[in-house]
Amino acid sequence: MNVQTTTQATVDLATIKGRQQIAWSSGDYAMIGTTLQIVGEMLCEAVDLRSNQRVLDVAAGNGNATLAAARRFADVVSTDYVGSLLERGRARAEADRLKVTFQEADAENLPFAEGSFDVVLSTFGVMFTPNQAQAASELIRVCHPGGKIGLANWTPEGFIGRLFKTIGRYVPPAPGVKSPALWGTKGRLDDLFGAKATVAAESKDFAFRYKSPKHWVEVFRTYYGPVLKAFAAIDPKAREALEADLYALLDEFNVAKDGTLVVPSAYLEVVVTKNS
């Protein structure tokens, strides 16, 4: 019975991962990702990144943390399981004349030897893996003893956390899969890393800045895979309701009073130091 249960869970996670990969491959996440560049820069400062270090960016997307580390003259490997996003990162690196190695890789099964990297980074990436324990185990495994893992993770009650809850009312998440936003809580991070590392976390805000609420909805509905796929999965009446809920959420968080959109979104800046 236990063997069957384990096998079923494994199959379900593989299926979920495949669906997620399709979602992140849809639209063009790079259109959103480039606006988040400052988070990668701040994360590199948080881990006190040095130019003589070997750095791995996991679930790198279009390379925000990748580029930030490369600008600090580190030896950087950028990975993601969506090849098109790596190509966008590669184009950015070439435009800035930065030396980076790009390689397709699954965050839950990294193709690197134990202790290969001094610093492992992920900005709003590894938190979306369906098997959280396995992903955390891989981050720890490839990090050198005494090395650091730097993470930026959306929090459950911040704007993006609330965005996913809103989407979940129309397209429920797969049963049995833990919320990605748990990576934005200190308790969950202690559970994932505490046995092999020390975890420090600080609450930060990233401000989404758009021309208007309508502009934000247009951009996210067109380019942000999870939002795009949610609208595609529901009927026209539900689409109208979801759009109305998104505008209500934006209105709740928007601090701009001039017709533009400025939405602070809470995230956790995390530095995990692997035991020596």
Protein backbone atom coordinates (compact mmCIF):
# COMPACT_ATOMS: atom_id res chain seq x y z
CA MET A 1 0.00 0.00 0.00
CA ASN A 2 2.83 2.39 0.89
CA VAL A 3 4.59 1.64 -2.39
CA GLN A 4 1.45 2.42 -4.38
CA THR A 5 0.87 5.67 -2.49
CA THR A 6 4.43 6.80 -3.10
CA THR A 7 4.24 5.90 -6.77
CA GLN A 8 0.97 7.80 -7.20
CA ALA A 9 2.43 10.89 -5.48
CA THR A 10 5.48 10.72 -7.72
CA VAL A 11 3.34 10.49 -10.86
CA ASP A 12 1.18 13.40 -9.70
CA LEU A 13 4.20 15.61 -9.03
CA ALA A 14 5.66 14.80 -12.42
CA THR A 15 2.38 15.70 -14.08
CA ILE A 16 2.11 18.93 -12.13
CA LYS A 17 5.67 19.86 -13.03
CA GLY A 18 4.89 19.30 -16.70
CA ARG A 19 1.87 21.57 -16.47
CA GLN A 20 3.89 24.22 -14.69
CA GLN A 21 6.57 24.08 -17.36
CA ILE A 22 3.92 24.67 -20.02
CA ALA A 23 2.50 27.58 -18.03
CA TRP A 24 5.88 29.29 -17.58
CA SER A 25 6.68 28.67 -21.25
CA SER A 26 3.49 30.44 -22.31
CA GLY A 27 3.29 34.19 -22.70
CA ASP A 28 6.68 35.79 -22.21
CA TYR A 29 7.78 35.91 -18.58
CA ALA A 30 10.83 37.94 -19.58
CA MET A 31 8.52 40.92 -20.10
CA ILE A 32 7.72 40.75 -16.38
CA GLY A 33 11.09 39.48 -15.23
CA THR A 34 13.11 42.44 -16.47
CA THR A 35 11.13 44.75 -14.16
CA LEU A 36 12.36 42.70 -11.17
CA GLN A 37 16.07 43.24 -11.82
CA ILE A 38 16.66 45.22 -8.62
CA VAL A 39 15.76 42.16 -6.54
CA GLY A 40 18.66 40.19 -8.03
CA GLU A 41 21.04 43.07 -7.36
CA MET A 42 19.95 43.34 -3.74
CA LEU A 43 20.18 39.57 -3.25
CA CYS A 44 23.79 39.54 -4.43
CA GLU A 45 24.55 42.20 -1.83
CA ALA A 46 22.70 40.21 0.86
CA VAL A 47 24.93 37.16 0.29
CA ASP A 48 28.02 39.42 0.11
CA LEU A 49 28.92 37.93 -3.26
CA ARG A 50 32.61 37.97 -4.23
CA SER A 51 34.28 37.95 -7.64
CA ASN A 52 36.22 34.75 -6.90
CA GLN A 53 33.11 32.69 -6.23
CA ARG A 54 31.37 30.09 -8.38
CA VAL A 55 27.65 30.92 -8.53
CA LEU A 56 24.59 28.93 -9.62
CA ASP A 57 21.28 30.65 -10.43
CA VAL A 58 18.44 28.11 -10.12
CA ALA A 59 15.11 28.58 -11.92
CA ALA A 60 16.78 31.71 -13.26
CA GLY A 61 14.07 32.78 -15.68
CA ASN A 62 15.51 35.50 -17.90
CA GLY A 63 18.46 35.97 -15.59
CA ASN A 64 18.04 38.75 -13.04
CA ALA A 65 20.20 37.17 -10.34
CA THR A 66 22.43 35.73 -13.08
CA LEU A 67 23.25 39.16 -14.49
CA ALA A 68 23.65 40.70 -11.05
CA ALA A 69 26.23 38.06 -10.11
CA ALA A 70 28.03 38.35 -13.46
CA ARG A 71 28.28 42.13 -12.99
CA ARG A 72 30.24 41.34 -9.84
CA PHE A 73 32.68 39.28 -11.93
CA ALA A 74 31.70 35.93 -10.42
CA ASP A 75 31.83 32.65 -12.36
CA VAL A 76 28.11 32.16 -13.07
CA VAL A 77 26.02 29.23 -14.30
CA SER A 78 22.39 30.11 -15.11
CA THR A 79 19.78 27.31 -15.17
CA ASP A 80 16.08 26.94 -15.87
CA TYR A 81 13.82 24.21 -17.25
CA VAL A 82 12.34 26.64 -19.80
CA GLY A 83 14.88 26.97 -22.58
CA SER A 84 13.28 30.04 -24.14
CA LEU A 85 13.79 31.99 -20.91
CA LEU A 86 17.45 31.02 -20.83
CA GLU A 87 17.76 32.37 -24.36
CA ARG A 88 16.39 35.70 -23.19
CA GLY A 89 18.94 35.68 -20.38
CA ARG A 90 21.68 34.83 -22.84
CA ALA A 91 20.71 37.79 -25.05
CA ARG A 92 20.80 40.12 -22.06
CA ALA A 93 24.21 38.83 -21.00
CA GLU A 94 25.60 39.27 -24.50
CA ALA A 95 24.21 42.81 -24.72
CA ASP A 96 25.99 43.70 -21.48
CA ARG A 97 29.10 41.74 -22.49
CA LEU A 98 28.87 39.52 -19.43
CA LYS A 99 30.33 36.03 -19.32
CA VAL A 100 27.74 33.46 -18.22
CA THR A 101 27.22 29.74 -18.81
CA PHE A 102 23.58 28.87 -19.59
CA GLN A 103 22.29 25.33 -19.09
CA GLU A 104 18.82 23.80 -19.03
CA ALA A 105 18.24 22.06 -15.72
CA ASP A 106 15.44 20.99 -13.38
CA ALA A 107 15.66 22.59 -9.91
CA GLU A 108 14.63 19.28 -8.39
CA ASN A 109 17.40 17.35 -10.16
CA LEU A 110 20.40 19.62 -10.69
CA PRO A 111 23.12 18.09 -12.91
CA PHE A 112 26.03 19.20 -10.73
CA ALA A 113 28.26 17.47 -8.24
CA GLU A 114 27.89 17.94 -4.51
CA GLY A 115 29.44 21.15 -3.26
CA SER A 116 30.07 22.56 -6.76
CA PHE A 117 29.11 26.17 -5.96
CA ASP A 118 30.06 28.74 -3.36
CA VAL A 119 26.76 30.60 -3.80
CA VAL A 120 23.38 29.37 -5.04
CA LEU A 121 20.73 31.95 -5.96
CA SER A 122 17.07 31.96 -6.94
CA THR A 123 14.74 34.95 -7.31
CA PHE A 124 11.05 34.01 -7.40
CA GLY A 125 12.00 30.75 -9.09
CA VAL A 126 12.69 27.67 -7.00
CA MET A 127 9.71 28.54 -4.79
CA PHE A 128 7.41 27.30 -7.58
CA THR A 129 8.78 23.73 -7.66
CA PRO A 130 6.06 21.17 -6.82
CA ASN A 131 8.38 19.04 -4.64
CA GLN A 132 9.65 21.64 -2.20
CA ALA A 133 11.69 19.29 -0.03
CA GLN A 134 13.48 17.84 -3.05
CA ALA A 135 14.28 21.28 -4.45
CA ALA A 136 15.64 22.48 -1.10
CA SER A 137 17.71 19.31 -0.81
CA GLU A 138 19.24 19.97 -4.24
CA LEU A 139 20.12 23.57 -3.34
CA ILE A 140 21.90 22.36 -0.21
CA ARG A 141 23.60 19.49 -2.04
CA VAL A 142 25.26 21.58 -4.75
CA CYS A 143 26.31 24.31 -2.29
CA HIS A 144 29.81 24.08 -0.84
CA PRO A 145 30.05 23.58 2.95
CA GLY A 146 30.04 27.05 4.49
CA GLY A 147 28.57 28.46 1.29
CA LYS A 148 25.40 30.52 0.97
CA ILE A 149 22.02 30.10 -0.67
CA GLY A 150 20.31 33.40 -1.49
CA LEU A 151 16.56 33.39 -2.16
CA ALA A 152 13.87 35.95 -2.92
CA ASN A 153 10.41 34.47 -2.26
CA TRP A 154 6.98 36.07 -2.41
CA THR A 155 5.11 35.97 0.90
CA PRO A 156 1.61 34.51 1.37
CA GLU A 157 -0.04 37.79 2.38
CA GLY A 158 1.86 40.08 0.01
CA PHE A 159 0.47 41.20 -3.34
CA ILE A 160 1.73 38.27 -5.41
CA GLY A 161 0.71 35.81 -2.72
CA ARG A 162 -2.78 37.30 -2.82
CA LEU A 163 -2.71 37.23 -6.63
CA PHE A 164 -2.23 33.46 -6.60
CA LYS A 165 -4.99 33.05 -4.01
CA THR A 166 -7.28 35.05 -6.30
CA ILE A 167 -6.39 32.87 -9.29
CA GLY A 168 -6.90 29.78 -7.12
CA ARG A 169 -10.56 30.64 -6.65
CA TYR A 170 -11.05 30.14 -10.39
CA VAL A 171 -8.40 27.54 -11.18
CA PRO A 172 -7.82 25.53 -7.99
CA PRO A 173 -4.26 24.31 -7.38
CA ALA A 174 -3.54 20.61 -7.65
CA PRO A 175 -4.51 18.72 -4.46
CA GLY A 176 -1.67 17.74 -2.16
CA VAL A 177 0.82 20.32 -3.44
CA LYS A 178 2.06 22.86 -0.92
CA SER A 179 1.64 26.54 -1.73
CA PRO A 180 4.72 28.16 -3.31
CA ALA A 181 4.19 31.12 -0.97
CA LEU A 182 5.25 28.95 1.98
CA TRP A 183 8.82 29.65 0.79
CA GLY A 184 8.05 33.20 1.90
CA THR A 185 7.69 32.14 5.55
CA LYS A 186 10.57 31.66 7.98
CA GLY A 187 8.96 28.60 9.51
CA ARG A 188 8.82 26.71 6.24
CA LEU A 189 12.41 27.67 5.38
CA ASP A 190 13.57 26.37 8.76
CA ASP A 191 11.77 23.10 8.01
CA LEU A 192 13.42 22.84 4.58
CA PHE A 193 16.96 23.89 5.48
CA GLY A 194 17.32 24.01 9.27
CA ALA A 195 18.88 20.57 9.75
CA LYS A 196 21.82 21.39 7.47
CA ALA A 197 22.09 25.17 7.59
CA THR A 198 21.23 28.39 9.37
CA VAL A 199 18.48 30.55 7.90
CA ALA A 200 18.33 34.35 8.05
CA ALA A 201 15.38 36.15 6.49
CA GLU A 202 14.37 39.78 6.10
CA SER A 203 11.08 41.16 4.83
CA LYS A 204 11.37 43.40 1.76
CA ASP A 205 9.02 45.09 -0.68
CA PHE A 206 9.26 45.20 -4.46
CA ALA A 207 7.12 47.90 -6.07
CA PHE A 208 5.36 47.01 -9.31
CA ARG A 209 5.23 50.25 -11.29
CA TYR A 210 2.90 50.39 -14.29
CA LYS A 211 1.12 53.06 -16.29
CA SER A 212 -2.27 52.20 -14.75
CA PRO A 213 -4.17 49.25 -13.27
CA LYS A 214 -5.43 48.51 -16.78
CA HIS A 215 -1.86 48.43 -18.07
CA TRP A 216 -0.87 45.93 -15.36
CA VAL A 217 -3.81 43.66 -16.22
CA GLU A 218 -2.98 43.82 -19.93
CA VAL A 219 0.69 42.98 -19.35
CA PHE A 220 0.11 40.14 -16.89
CA ARG A 221 -2.78 38.68 -18.89
CA THR A 222 -0.62 38.65 -22.02
CA TYR A 223 2.82 37.71 -20.71
CA TYR A 224 2.64 36.15 -17.21
CA GLY A 225 2.08 32.43 -17.73
CA PRO A 226 -0.02 31.65 -14.63
CA VAL A 227 -2.41 34.54 -15.32
CA LEU A 228 -2.56 33.87 -19.06
CA LYS A 229 -3.31 30.16 -18.49
CA ALA A 230 -5.92 30.95 -15.82
CA PHE A 231 -7.91 33.14 -18.20
CA ALA A 232 -7.60 30.51 -20.93
CA ALA A 233 -8.92 27.76 -18.64
CA ILE A 234 -12.23 29.39 -17.64
CA ASP A 235 -15.41 30.41 -19.44
CA PRO A 236 -16.17 34.00 -20.53
CA LYS A 237 -18.35 34.79 -17.50
CA ALA A 238 -15.66 33.59 -15.12
CA ARG A 239 -13.08 35.63 -17.03
CA GLU A 240 -15.10 38.77 -16.38
CA ALA A 241 -15.30 37.89 -12.68
CA LEU A 242 -11.57 37.16 -12.46
CA GLU A 243 -10.72 40.44 -14.18
CA ALA A 244 -12.96 42.31 -11.73
CA ASP A 245 -11.26 40.57 -8.80
CA LEU A 246 -7.83 41.53 -10.17
CA TYR A 247 -8.85 45.17 -10.40
CA ALA A 248 -10.17 45.01 -6.82
CA LEU A 249 -6.86 43.52 -5.65
CA LEU A 250 -4.89 46.21 -7.47
CA ASP A 251 -7.08 48.90 -5.95
CA GLU A 252 -6.43 47.49 -2.48
CA PHE A 253 -2.64 47.56 -2.89
CA ASN A 254 -2.10 50.56 -5.17
CA VAL A 255 -0.49 53.49 -3.32
CA ALA A 256 -0.36 55.83 -6.33
CA LYS A 257 -2.84 58.69 -6.42
CA ASP A 258 -2.07 60.03 -9.89
CA GLY A 259 -3.70 57.38 -12.07
CA THR A 260 -0.59 55.25 -12.35
CA LEU A 261 0.04 51.98 -10.52
CA VAL A 262 2.54 51.53 -7.68
CA VAL A 263 1.95 48.26 -5.85
CA PRO A 264 4.35 47.21 -3.09
CA SER A 265 4.63 43.42 -3.00
CA ALA A 266 6.17 41.78 0.07
CA TYR A 267 8.86 39.19 -0.35
CA LEU A 268 11.35 37.46 1.92
CA GLU A 269 15.04 38.00 1.24
CA VAL A 270 16.71 34.86 2.52
CA VAL A 271 20.32 33.91 3.19
CA VAL A 272 20.84 30.25 4.04
CA THR A 273 24.35 29.39 5.22
CA LYS A 274 25.23 25.72 4.82
CA ASN A 275 26.91 24.08 7.78
CA SER A 276 30.65 23.62 7.38
